[in-house]
Amino acid sequence: MRIPGDPGYLNVELEKAGRVADFLELGELMCRDALERQESCGGHYREEYQVDGEAKRDDEKFCHVAAWEYTGKIDTSVRHKEELAFENVHLATRSYK
């Protein structure tokens, strides 16, 4: 890859290339998260986790907020979880039919 610019000046093209690299790493991490979520829920709809064409949720295993800690490599990133507690809203599967 060729990144034009002069080393004596601020290299805007190099800055843009760094941003592209950041977005690629974020995309990889999002894919890894989606693969680990073994259910269908909202934007995480997966064909293998459905019942009669409707999303099949697994609230017992996936009723939490997940945040990934990037460790320098996607495959060694650490997933942190914080359980969710619902007091006023009851969990339910959304029907799109």
PDB file of N, CA and C in Angstrom:
ATOM      1  N   MET A   1       0.850  -1.161   0.000  1.00  0.00           N
ATOM      2  CA  MET A   1       0.000   0.000   0.000  1.00  0.00           C
ATOM      3  C   MET A   1       0.904   1.235   0.000  1.00  0.00           C
ATOM      4  N   ARG A   2       0.572   2.175  -0.821  1.00  0.00           N
ATOM      5  CA  ARG A   2       1.341   3.426  -0.904  1.00  0.00           C
ATOM      6  C   ARG A   2       0.562   4.530  -0.203  1.00  0.00           C
ATOM      7  N   ILE A   3       1.204   5.190   0.735  1.00  0.00           N
ATOM      8  CA  ILE A   3       0.594   6.315   1.443  1.00  0.00           C
ATOM      9  C   ILE A   3       1.437   7.539   1.127  1.00  0.00           C
ATOM     10  N   PRO A   4       0.916   8.436   0.285  1.00  0.00           N
ATOM     11  CA  PRO A   4       1.702   9.610  -0.099  1.00  0.00           C
ATOM     12  C   PRO A   4       1.869  10.584   1.065  1.00  0.00           C
ATOM     13  N   GLY A   5       2.836  11.452   0.941  1.00  0.00           N
ATOM     14  CA  GLY A   5       3.044  12.480   1.957  1.00  0.00           C
ATOM     15  C   GLY A   5       4.523  12.729   2.178  1.00  0.00           C
ATOM     16  N   ASP A   6       4.805  13.809   2.842  1.00  0.00           N
ATOM     17  CA  ASP A   6       6.176  14.213   3.129  1.00  0.00           C
ATOM     18  C   ASP A   6       6.430  14.008   4.620  1.00  0.00           C
ATOM     19  N   PRO A   7       7.501  13.283   4.988  1.00  0.00           N
ATOM     20  CA  PRO A   7       7.749  13.022   6.404  1.00  0.00           C
ATOM     21  C   PRO A   7       7.990  14.279   7.237  1.00  0.00           C
ATOM     22  N   GLY A   8       8.281  15.406   6.612  1.00  0.00           N
ATOM     23  CA  GLY A   8       8.526  16.643   7.339  1.00  0.00           C
ATOM     24  C   GLY A   8       7.264  17.399   7.689  1.00  0.00           C
ATOM     25  N   TYR A   9       6.122  16.951   7.217  1.00  0.00           N
ATOM     26  CA  TYR A   9       4.847  17.641   7.445  1.00  0.00           C
ATOM     27  C   TYR A   9       3.815  16.668   7.998  1.00  0.00           C
ATOM     28  N   LEU A  10       2.730  17.212   8.498  1.00  0.00           N
ATOM     29  CA  LEU A  10       1.624  16.392   8.959  1.00  0.00           C
ATOM     30  C   LEU A  10       1.102  15.579   7.775  1.00  0.00           C
ATOM     31  N   ASN A  11       1.088  14.281   7.924  1.00  0.00           N
ATOM     32  CA  ASN A  11       0.670  13.408   6.841  1.00  0.00           C
ATOM     33  C   ASN A  11      -0.788  13.000   7.035  1.00  0.00           C
ATOM     34  N   VAL A  12      -1.672  13.706   6.386  1.00  0.00           N
ATOM     35  CA  VAL A  12      -3.107  13.453   6.498  1.00  0.00           C
ATOM     36  C   VAL A  12      -3.463  12.084   5.939  1.00  0.00           C
ATOM     37  N   GLU A  13      -2.796  11.662   4.880  1.00  0.00           N
ATOM     38  CA  GLU A  13      -3.083  10.361   4.276  1.00  0.00           C
ATOM     39  C   GLU A  13      -2.736   9.219   5.234  1.00  0.00           C
ATOM     40  N   LEU A  14      -1.655   9.370   5.988  1.00  0.00           N
ATOM     41  CA  LEU A  14      -1.285   8.354   6.968  1.00  0.00           C
ATOM     42  C   LEU A  14      -2.324   8.294   8.085  1.00  0.00           C
ATOM     43  N   GLU A  15      -2.833   9.447   8.481  1.00  0.00           N
ATOM     44  CA  GLU A  15      -3.887   9.500   9.499  1.00  0.00           C
ATOM     45  C   GLU A  15      -5.136   8.769   9.012  1.00  0.00           C
ATOM     46  N   LYS A  16      -5.507   8.983   7.757  1.00  0.00           N
ATOM     47  CA  LYS A  16      -6.675   8.289   7.183  1.00  0.00           C
ATOM     48  C   LYS A  16      -6.456   6.785   7.158  1.00  0.00           C
ATOM     49  N   ALA A  17      -5.269   6.345   6.788  1.00  0.00           N
ATOM     50  CA  ALA A  17      -4.964   4.908   6.748  1.00  0.00           C
ATOM     51  C   ALA A  17      -5.085   4.300   8.142  1.00  0.00           C
ATOM     52  N   GLY A  18      -4.652   5.025   9.162  1.00  0.00           N
ATOM     53  CA  GLY A  18      -4.785   4.540  10.534  1.00  0.00           C
ATOM     54  C   GLY A  18      -6.229   4.386  10.948  1.00  0.00           C
ATOM     55  N   ARG A  19      -7.072   5.285  10.513  1.00  0.00           N
ATOM     56  CA  ARG A  19      -8.504   5.192  10.830  1.00  0.00           C
ATOM     57  C   ARG A  19      -9.134   3.979  10.158  1.00  0.00           C
ATOM     58  N   VAL A  20      -8.741   3.704   8.913  1.00  0.00           N
ATOM     59  CA  VAL A  20      -9.256   2.526   8.215  1.00  0.00           C
ATOM     60  C   VAL A  20      -8.865   1.263   8.979  1.00  0.00           C
ATOM     61  N   ALA A  21      -7.625   1.199   9.436  1.00  0.00           N
ATOM     62  CA  ALA A  21      -7.166   0.044  10.217  1.00  0.00           C
ATOM     63  C   ALA A  21      -8.000  -0.105  11.495  1.00  0.00           C
ATOM     64  N   ASP A  22      -8.314   1.000  12.168  1.00  0.00           N
ATOM     65  CA  ASP A  22      -9.142   0.951  13.376  1.00  0.00           C
ATOM     66  C   ASP A  22     -10.525   0.387  13.071  1.00  0.00           C
ATOM     67  N   PHE A  23     -11.131   0.827  11.972  1.00  0.00           N
ATOM     68  CA  PHE A  23     -12.465   0.345  11.603  1.00  0.00           C
ATOM     69  C   PHE A  23     -12.435  -1.136  11.246  1.00  0.00           C
ATOM     70  N   LEU A  24     -11.372  -1.609  10.621  1.00  0.00           N
ATOM     71  CA  LEU A  24     -11.267  -3.036  10.305  1.00  0.00           C
ATOM     72  C   LEU A  24     -11.173  -3.864  11.590  1.00  0.00           C
ATOM     73  N   GLU A  25     -10.402  -3.401  12.560  1.00  0.00           N
ATOM     74  CA  GLU A  25     -10.305  -4.117  13.834  1.00  0.00           C
ATOM     75  C   GLU A  25     -11.641  -4.115  14.568  1.00  0.00           C
ATOM     76  N   LEU A  26     -12.342  -2.993  14.550  1.00  0.00           N
ATOM     77  CA  LEU A  26     -13.657  -2.919  15.184  1.00  0.00           C
ATOM     78  C   LEU A  26     -14.625  -3.892  14.506  1.00  0.00           C
ATOM     79  N   GLY A  27     -14.595  -3.945  13.183  1.00  0.00           N
ATOM     80  CA  GLY A  27     -15.459  -4.874  12.446  1.00  0.00           C
ATOM     81  C   GLY A  27     -15.174  -6.326  12.811  1.00  0.00           C
ATOM     82  N   GLU A  28     -13.900  -6.682  12.933  1.00  0.00           N
ATOM     83  CA  GLU A  28     -13.535  -8.042  13.344  1.00  0.00           C
ATOM     84  C   GLU A  28     -14.073  -8.356  14.733  1.00  0.00           C
ATOM     85  N   LEU A  29     -13.955  -7.419  15.641  1.00  0.00           N
ATOM     86  CA  LEU A  29     -14.421  -7.628  17.007  1.00  0.00           C
ATOM     87  C   LEU A  29     -15.942  -7.758  17.052  1.00  0.00           C
ATOM     88  N   MET A  30     -16.648  -6.985  16.241  1.00  0.00           N
ATOM     89  CA  MET A  30     -18.108  -7.091  16.179  1.00  0.00           C
ATOM     90  C   MET A  30     -18.527  -8.460  15.654  1.00  0.00           C
ATOM     91  N   CYS A  31     -17.798  -8.971  14.666  1.00  0.00           N
ATOM     92  CA  CYS A  31     -18.096 -10.304  14.133  1.00  0.00           C
ATOM     93  C   CYS A  31     -17.844 -11.373  15.187  1.00  0.00           C
ATOM     94  N   ARG A  32     -16.760 -11.241  15.924  1.00  0.00           N
ATOM     95  CA  ARG A  32     -16.464 -12.211  16.982  1.00  0.00           C
ATOM     96  C   ARG A  32     -17.562 -12.199  18.038  1.00  0.00           C
ATOM     97  N   ASP A  33     -18.022 -11.012  18.413  1.00  0.00           N
ATOM     98  CA  ASP A  33     -19.094 -10.906  19.397  1.00  0.00           C
ATOM     99  C   ASP A  33     -20.373 -11.561  18.880  1.00  0.00           C
ATOM    100  N   ALA A  34     -20.705 -11.321  17.626  1.00  0.00           N
ATOM    101  CA  ALA A  34     -21.919 -11.897  17.037  1.00  0.00           C
ATOM    102  C   ALA A  34     -21.841 -13.420  16.993  1.00  0.00           C
ATOM    103  N   LEU A  35     -20.665 -13.966  16.698  1.00  0.00           N
ATOM    104  CA  LEU A  35     -20.506 -15.417  16.674  1.00  0.00           C
ATOM    105  C   LEU A  35     -20.635 -16.036  18.059  1.00  0.00           C
ATOM    106  N   GLU A  36     -20.216 -15.328  19.092  1.00  0.00           N
ATOM    107  CA  GLU A  36     -20.321 -15.855  20.453  1.00  0.00           C
ATOM    108  C   GLU A  36     -21.743 -15.785  20.998  1.00  0.00           C
ATOM    109  N   ARG A  37     -22.568 -14.919  20.450  1.00  0.00           N
ATOM    110  CA  ARG A  37     -23.953 -14.782  20.905  1.00  0.00           C
ATOM    111  C   ARG A  37     -24.774 -15.870  20.227  1.00  0.00           C
ATOM    112  N   GLN A  38     -25.066 -16.943  20.967  1.00  0.00           N
ATOM    113  CA  GLN A  38     -25.776 -18.094  20.410  1.00  0.00           C
ATOM    114  C   GLN A  38     -27.271 -17.959  20.653  1.00  0.00           C
ATOM    115  N   GLU A  39     -27.830 -16.947  20.031  1.00  0.00           N
ATOM    116  CA  GLU A  39     -29.262 -16.676  20.105  1.00  0.00           C
ATOM    117  C   GLU A  39     -29.603 -15.696  18.980  1.00  0.00           C
ATOM    118  N   SER A  40     -30.866 -15.439  18.804  1.00  0.00           N
ATOM    119  CA  SER A  40     -31.308 -14.384  17.900  1.00  0.00           C
ATOM    120  C   SER A  40     -31.975 -13.318  18.738  1.00  0.00           C
ATOM    121  N   CYS A  41     -31.518 -12.090  18.596  1.00  0.00           N
ATOM    122  CA  CYS A  41     -32.088 -11.009  19.373  1.00  0.00           C
ATOM    123  C   CYS A  41     -31.733  -9.696  18.703  1.00  0.00           C
ATOM    124  N   GLY A  42     -32.726  -8.973  18.244  1.00  0.00           N
ATOM    125  CA  GLY A  42     -32.484  -7.679  17.610  1.00  0.00           C
ATOM    126  C   GLY A  42     -31.580  -7.794  16.402  1.00  0.00           C
ATOM    127  N   GLY A  43     -30.478  -7.049  16.407  1.00  0.00           N
ATOM    128  CA  GLY A  43     -29.536  -7.077  15.288  1.00  0.00           C
ATOM    129  C   GLY A  43     -28.717  -8.355  15.220  1.00  0.00           C
ATOM    130  N   HIS A  44     -28.865  -9.230  16.208  1.00  0.00           N
ATOM    131  CA  HIS A  44     -28.129 -10.489  16.238  1.00  0.00           C
ATOM    132  C   HIS A  44     -28.996 -11.637  15.742  1.00  0.00           C
ATOM    133  N   TYR A  45     -29.781 -11.440  14.709  1.00  0.00           N
ATOM    134  CA  TYR A  45     -30.632 -12.512  14.200  1.00  0.00           C
ATOM    135  C   TYR A  45     -29.774 -13.529  13.472  1.00  0.00           C
ATOM    136  N   ARG A  46     -29.904 -14.790  13.851  1.00  0.00           N
ATOM    137  CA  ARG A  46     -29.157 -15.875  13.226  1.00  0.00           C
ATOM    138  C   ARG A  46     -30.135 -16.961  12.799  1.00  0.00           C
ATOM    139  N   GLU A  47     -29.980 -17.461  11.596  1.00  0.00           N
ATOM    140  CA  GLU A  47     -30.887 -18.483  11.065  1.00  0.00           C
ATOM    141  C   GLU A  47     -30.927 -19.729  11.926  1.00  0.00           C
ATOM    142  N   GLU A  48     -29.780 -20.118  12.487  1.00  0.00           N
ATOM    143  CA  GLU A  48     -29.741 -21.357  13.272  1.00  0.00           C
ATOM    144  C   GLU A  48     -30.401 -21.216  14.643  1.00  0.00           C
ATOM    145  N   TYR A  49     -30.769 -19.996  15.030  1.00  0.00           N
ATOM    146  CA  TYR A  49     -31.450 -19.769  16.305  1.00  0.00           C
ATOM    147  C   TYR A  49     -32.791 -19.094  16.038  1.00  0.00           C
ATOM    148  N   GLN A  50     -33.735 -19.911  15.549  1.00  0.00           N
ATOM    149  CA  GLN A  50     -35.074 -19.421  15.266  1.00  0.00           C
ATOM    150  C   GLN A  50     -36.077 -20.548  15.484  1.00  0.00           C
ATOM    151  N   VAL A  51     -37.318 -20.164  15.724  1.00  0.00           N
ATOM    152  CA  VAL A  51     -38.416 -21.108  15.859  1.00  0.00           C
ATOM    153  C   VAL A  51     -39.540 -20.602  14.974  1.00  0.00           C
ATOM    154  N   ASP A  52     -39.901 -21.369  13.969  1.00  0.00           N
ATOM    155  CA  ASP A  52     -40.962 -20.992  13.026  1.00  0.00           C
ATOM    156  C   ASP A  52     -40.741 -19.603  12.437  1.00  0.00           C
ATOM    157  N   GLY A  53     -39.506 -19.270  12.122  1.00  0.00           N
ATOM    158  CA  GLY A  53     -39.182 -17.994  11.501  1.00  0.00           C
ATOM    159  C   GLY A  53     -39.048 -16.834  12.465  1.00  0.00           C
ATOM    160  N   GLU A  54     -39.273 -17.074  13.749  1.00  0.00           N
ATOM    161  CA  GLU A  54     -39.153 -16.028  14.770  1.00  0.00           C
ATOM    162  C   GLU A  54     -37.853 -16.209  15.550  1.00  0.00           C
ATOM    163  N   ALA A  55     -37.358 -15.124  16.095  1.00  0.00           N
ATOM    164  CA  ALA A  55     -36.117 -15.145  16.870  1.00  0.00           C
ATOM    165  C   ALA A  55     -36.245 -16.075  18.078  1.00  0.00           C
ATOM    166  N   LYS A  56     -35.197 -16.852  18.323  1.00  0.00           N
ATOM    167  CA  LYS A  56     -35.138 -17.721  19.504  1.00  0.00           C
ATOM    168  C   LYS A  56     -34.122 -17.116  20.459  1.00  0.00           C
ATOM    169  N   ARG A  57     -34.625 -16.512  21.528  1.00  0.00           N
ATOM    170  CA  ARG A  57     -33.760 -15.844  22.509  1.00  0.00           C
ATOM    171  C   ARG A  57     -33.308 -16.817  23.579  1.00  0.00           C
ATOM    172  N   ASP A  58     -32.211 -16.454  24.236  1.00  0.00           N
ATOM    173  CA  ASP A  58     -31.700 -17.221  25.361  1.00  0.00           C
ATOM    174  C   ASP A  58     -31.363 -16.219  26.470  1.00  0.00           C
ATOM    175  N   ASP A  59     -32.403 -15.757  27.151  1.00  0.00           N
ATOM    176  CA  ASP A  59     -32.225 -14.733  28.179  1.00  0.00           C
ATOM    177  C   ASP A  59     -31.412 -15.238  29.369  1.00  0.00           C
ATOM    178  N   GLU A  60     -31.414 -16.549  29.582  1.00  0.00           N
ATOM    179  CA  GLU A  60     -30.660 -17.098  30.700  1.00  0.00           C
ATOM    180  C   GLU A  60     -29.153 -16.893  30.517  1.00  0.00           C
ATOM    181  N   LYS A  61     -28.671 -17.056  29.302  1.00  0.00           N
ATOM    182  CA  LYS A  61     -27.231 -16.929  29.031  1.00  0.00           C
ATOM    183  C   LYS A  61     -26.826 -15.548  28.528  1.00  0.00           C
ATOM    184  N   PHE A  62     -27.758 -14.816  27.913  1.00  0.00           N
ATOM    185  CA  PHE A  62     -27.371 -13.582  27.231  1.00  0.00           C
ATOM    186  C   PHE A  62     -28.133 -12.343  27.697  1.00  0.00           C
ATOM    187  N   CYS A  63     -28.577 -12.324  28.926  1.00  0.00           N
ATOM    188  CA  CYS A  63     -29.242 -11.142  29.476  1.00  0.00           C
ATOM    189  C   CYS A  63     -28.197 -10.297  30.209  1.00  0.00           C
ATOM    190  N   HIS A  64     -27.298  -9.714  29.419  1.00  0.00           N
ATOM    191  CA  HIS A  64     -26.212  -8.918  29.975  1.00  0.00           C
ATOM    192  C   HIS A  64     -25.707  -7.918  28.941  1.00  0.00           C
ATOM    193  N   VAL A  65     -24.939  -6.978  29.408  1.00  0.00           N
ATOM    194  CA  VAL A  65     -24.233  -6.040  28.540  1.00  0.00           C
ATOM    195  C   VAL A  65     -22.817  -6.580  28.409  1.00  0.00           C
ATOM    196  N   ALA A  66     -22.304  -6.623  27.202  1.00  0.00           N
ATOM    197  CA  ALA A  66     -20.944  -7.114  26.987  1.00  0.00           C
ATOM    198  C   ALA A  66     -20.070  -5.986  26.458  1.00  0.00           C
ATOM    199  N   ALA A  67     -18.874  -5.920  26.978  1.00  0.00           N
ATOM    200  CA  ALA A  67     -17.877  -4.956  26.504  1.00  0.00           C
ATOM    201  C   ALA A  67     -16.576  -5.718  26.303  1.00  0.00           C
ATOM    202  N   TRP A  68     -15.944  -5.479  25.187  1.00  0.00           N
ATOM    203  CA  TRP A  68     -14.697  -6.172  24.869  1.00  0.00           C
ATOM    204  C   TRP A  68     -13.498  -5.318  25.225  1.00  0.00           C
ATOM    205  N   GLU A  69     -12.506  -5.949  25.813  1.00  0.00           N
ATOM    206  CA  GLU A  69     -11.229  -5.306  26.112  1.00  0.00           C
ATOM    207  C   GLU A  69     -10.239  -5.733  25.049  1.00  0.00           C
ATOM    208  N   TYR A  70      -9.795  -4.780  24.248  1.00  0.00           N
ATOM    209  CA  TYR A  70      -8.843  -5.077  23.178  1.00  0.00           C
ATOM    210  C   TYR A  70      -7.455  -5.221  23.778  1.00  0.00           C
ATOM    211  N   THR A  71      -6.797  -6.338  23.486  1.00  0.00           N
ATOM    212  CA  THR A  71      -5.489  -6.638  24.070  1.00  0.00           C
ATOM    213  C   THR A  71      -4.355  -6.535  23.058  1.00  0.00           C
ATOM    214  N   GLY A  72      -4.649  -5.998  21.893  1.00  0.00           N
ATOM    215  CA  GLY A  72      -3.629  -5.888  20.857  1.00  0.00           C
ATOM    216  C   GLY A  72      -3.842  -6.876  19.737  1.00  0.00           C
ATOM    217  N   LYS A  73      -4.599  -7.931  20.004  1.00  0.00           N
ATOM    218  CA  LYS A  73      -4.942  -8.923  18.987  1.00  0.00           C
ATOM    219  C   LYS A  73      -6.410  -9.273  19.166  1.00  0.00           C
ATOM    220  N   ILE A  74      -7.119  -9.409  18.061  1.00  0.00           N
ATOM    221  CA  ILE A  74      -8.545  -9.720  18.132  1.00  0.00           C
ATOM    222  C   ILE A  74      -8.787 -11.057  18.833  1.00  0.00           C
ATOM    223  N   ASP A  75      -7.997 -12.069  18.514  1.00  0.00           N
ATOM    224  CA  ASP A  75      -8.258 -13.402  19.049  1.00  0.00           C
ATOM    225  C   ASP A  75      -7.948 -13.558  20.536  1.00  0.00           C
ATOM    226  N   THR A  76      -7.293 -12.590  21.155  1.00  0.00           N
ATOM    227  CA  THR A  76      -7.040 -12.661  22.598  1.00  0.00           C
ATOM    228  C   THR A  76      -7.818 -11.606  23.372  1.00  0.00           C
ATOM    229  N   SER A  77      -8.712 -10.886  22.692  1.00  0.00           N
ATOM    230  CA  SER A  77      -9.527  -9.868  23.365  1.00  0.00           C
ATOM    231  C   SER A  77     -10.386 -10.525  24.441  1.00  0.00           C
ATOM    232  N   VAL A  78     -10.663  -9.789  25.498  1.00  0.00           N
ATOM    233  CA  VAL A  78     -11.384 -10.320  26.653  1.00  0.00           C
ATOM    234  C   VAL A  78     -12.788  -9.730  26.688  1.00  0.00           C
ATOM    235  N   ARG A  79     -13.776 -10.591  26.869  1.00  0.00           N
ATOM    236  CA  ARG A  79     -15.169 -10.163  26.929  1.00  0.00           C
ATOM    237  C   ARG A  79     -15.578  -9.999  28.390  1.00  0.00           C
ATOM    238  N   HIS A  80     -16.023  -8.797  28.751  1.00  0.00           N
ATOM    239  CA  HIS A  80     -16.501  -8.520  30.112  1.00  0.00           C
ATOM    240  C   HIS A  80     -18.018  -8.428  30.060  1.00  0.00           C
ATOM    241  N   LYS A  81     -18.688  -8.949  31.099  1.00  0.00           N
ATOM    242  CA  LYS A  81     -20.148  -8.944  31.137  1.00  0.00           C
ATOM    243  C   LYS A  81     -20.658  -8.253  32.393  1.00  0.00           C
ATOM    244  N   GLU A  82     -21.780  -7.561  32.228  1.00  0.00           N
ATOM    245  CA  GLU A  82     -22.491  -6.985  33.364  1.00  0.00           C
ATOM    246  C   GLU A  82     -23.943  -7.418  33.237  1.00  0.00           C
ATOM    247  N   GLU A  83     -24.411  -8.180  34.206  1.00  0.00           N
ATOM    248  CA  GLU A  83     -25.780  -8.704  34.158  1.00  0.00           C
ATOM    249  C   GLU A  83     -26.797  -7.565  34.205  1.00  0.00           C
ATOM    250  N   LEU A  84     -27.918  -7.770  33.553  1.00  0.00           N
ATOM    251  CA  LEU A  84     -28.998  -6.782  33.516  1.00  0.00           C
ATOM    252  C   LEU A  84     -30.118  -7.214  34.463  1.00  0.00           C
ATOM    253  N   ALA A  85     -30.703  -6.274  35.159  1.00  0.00           N
ATOM    254  CA  ALA A  85     -31.845  -6.535  36.035  1.00  0.00           C
ATOM    255  C   ALA A  85     -33.004  -5.670  35.556  1.00  0.00           C
ATOM    256  N   PHE A  86     -34.131  -6.310  35.297  1.00  0.00           N
ATOM    257  CA  PHE A  86     -35.308  -5.599  34.803  1.00  0.00           C
ATOM    258  C   PHE A  86     -36.364  -5.553  35.901  1.00  0.00           C
ATOM    259  N   GLU A  87     -36.755  -4.348  36.272  1.00  0.00           N
ATOM    260  CA  GLU A  87     -37.761  -4.195  37.314  1.00  0.00           C
ATOM    261  C   GLU A  87     -39.114  -3.780  36.742  1.00  0.00           C
ATOM    262  N   ASN A  88     -39.112  -2.905  35.750  1.00  0.00           N
ATOM    263  CA  ASN A  88     -40.370  -2.375  35.212  1.00  0.00           C
ATOM    264  C   ASN A  88     -40.728  -2.932  33.838  1.00  0.00           C
ATOM    265  N   VAL A  89     -39.794  -3.585  33.198  1.00  0.00           N
ATOM    266  CA  VAL A  89     -40.015  -4.126  31.855  1.00  0.00           C
ATOM    267  C   VAL A  89     -39.789  -5.621  31.904  1.00  0.00           C
ATOM    268  N   HIS A  90     -40.673  -6.375  31.269  1.00  0.00           N
ATOM    269  CA  HIS A  90     -40.521  -7.828  31.225  1.00  0.00           C
ATOM    270  C   HIS A  90     -39.926  -8.226  29.885  1.00  0.00           C
ATOM    271  N   LEU A  91     -38.968  -9.138  29.911  1.00  0.00           N
ATOM    272  CA  LEU A  91     -38.347  -9.606  28.675  1.00  0.00           C
ATOM    273  C   LEU A  91     -39.353 -10.404  27.857  1.00  0.00           C
ATOM    274  N   ALA A  92     -39.368 -10.178  26.562  1.00  0.00           N
ATOM    275  CA  ALA A  92     -40.275 -10.903  25.677  1.00  0.00           C
ATOM    276  C   ALA A  92     -39.660 -10.978  24.289  1.00  0.00           C
ATOM    277  N   THR A  93     -40.011 -12.021  23.569  1.00  0.00           N
ATOM    278  CA  THR A  93     -39.554 -12.165  22.195  1.00  0.00           C
ATOM    279  C   THR A  93     -40.420 -11.303  21.299  1.00  0.00           C
ATOM    280  N   ARG A  94     -39.788 -10.511  20.459  1.00  0.00           N
ATOM    281  CA  ARG A  94     -40.510  -9.638  19.541  1.00  0.00           C
ATOM    282  C   ARG A  94     -41.008 -10.451  18.347  1.00  0.00           C
ATOM    283  N   SER A  95     -42.234 -10.258  17.953  1.00  0.00           N
ATOM    284  CA  SER A  95     -42.779 -10.934  16.778  1.00  0.00           C
ATOM    285  C   SER A  95     -42.827  -9.971  15.615  1.00  0.00           C
ATOM    286  N   TYR A  96     -42.313 -10.391  14.483  1.00  0.00           N
ATOM    287  CA  TYR A  96     -42.303  -9.563  13.289  1.00  0.00           C
ATOM    288  C   TYR A  96     -43.360  -9.993  12.272  1.00  0.00           C
ATOM    289  N   LYS A  97     -44.241 -10.886  12.677  1.00  0.00           N
ATOM    290  CA  LYS A  97     -45.278 -11.375  11.757  1.00  0.00           C
ATOM    291  C   LYS A  97     -46.501 -10.497  11.805  1.00  0.00           C
TER     292      LYS A  97
END
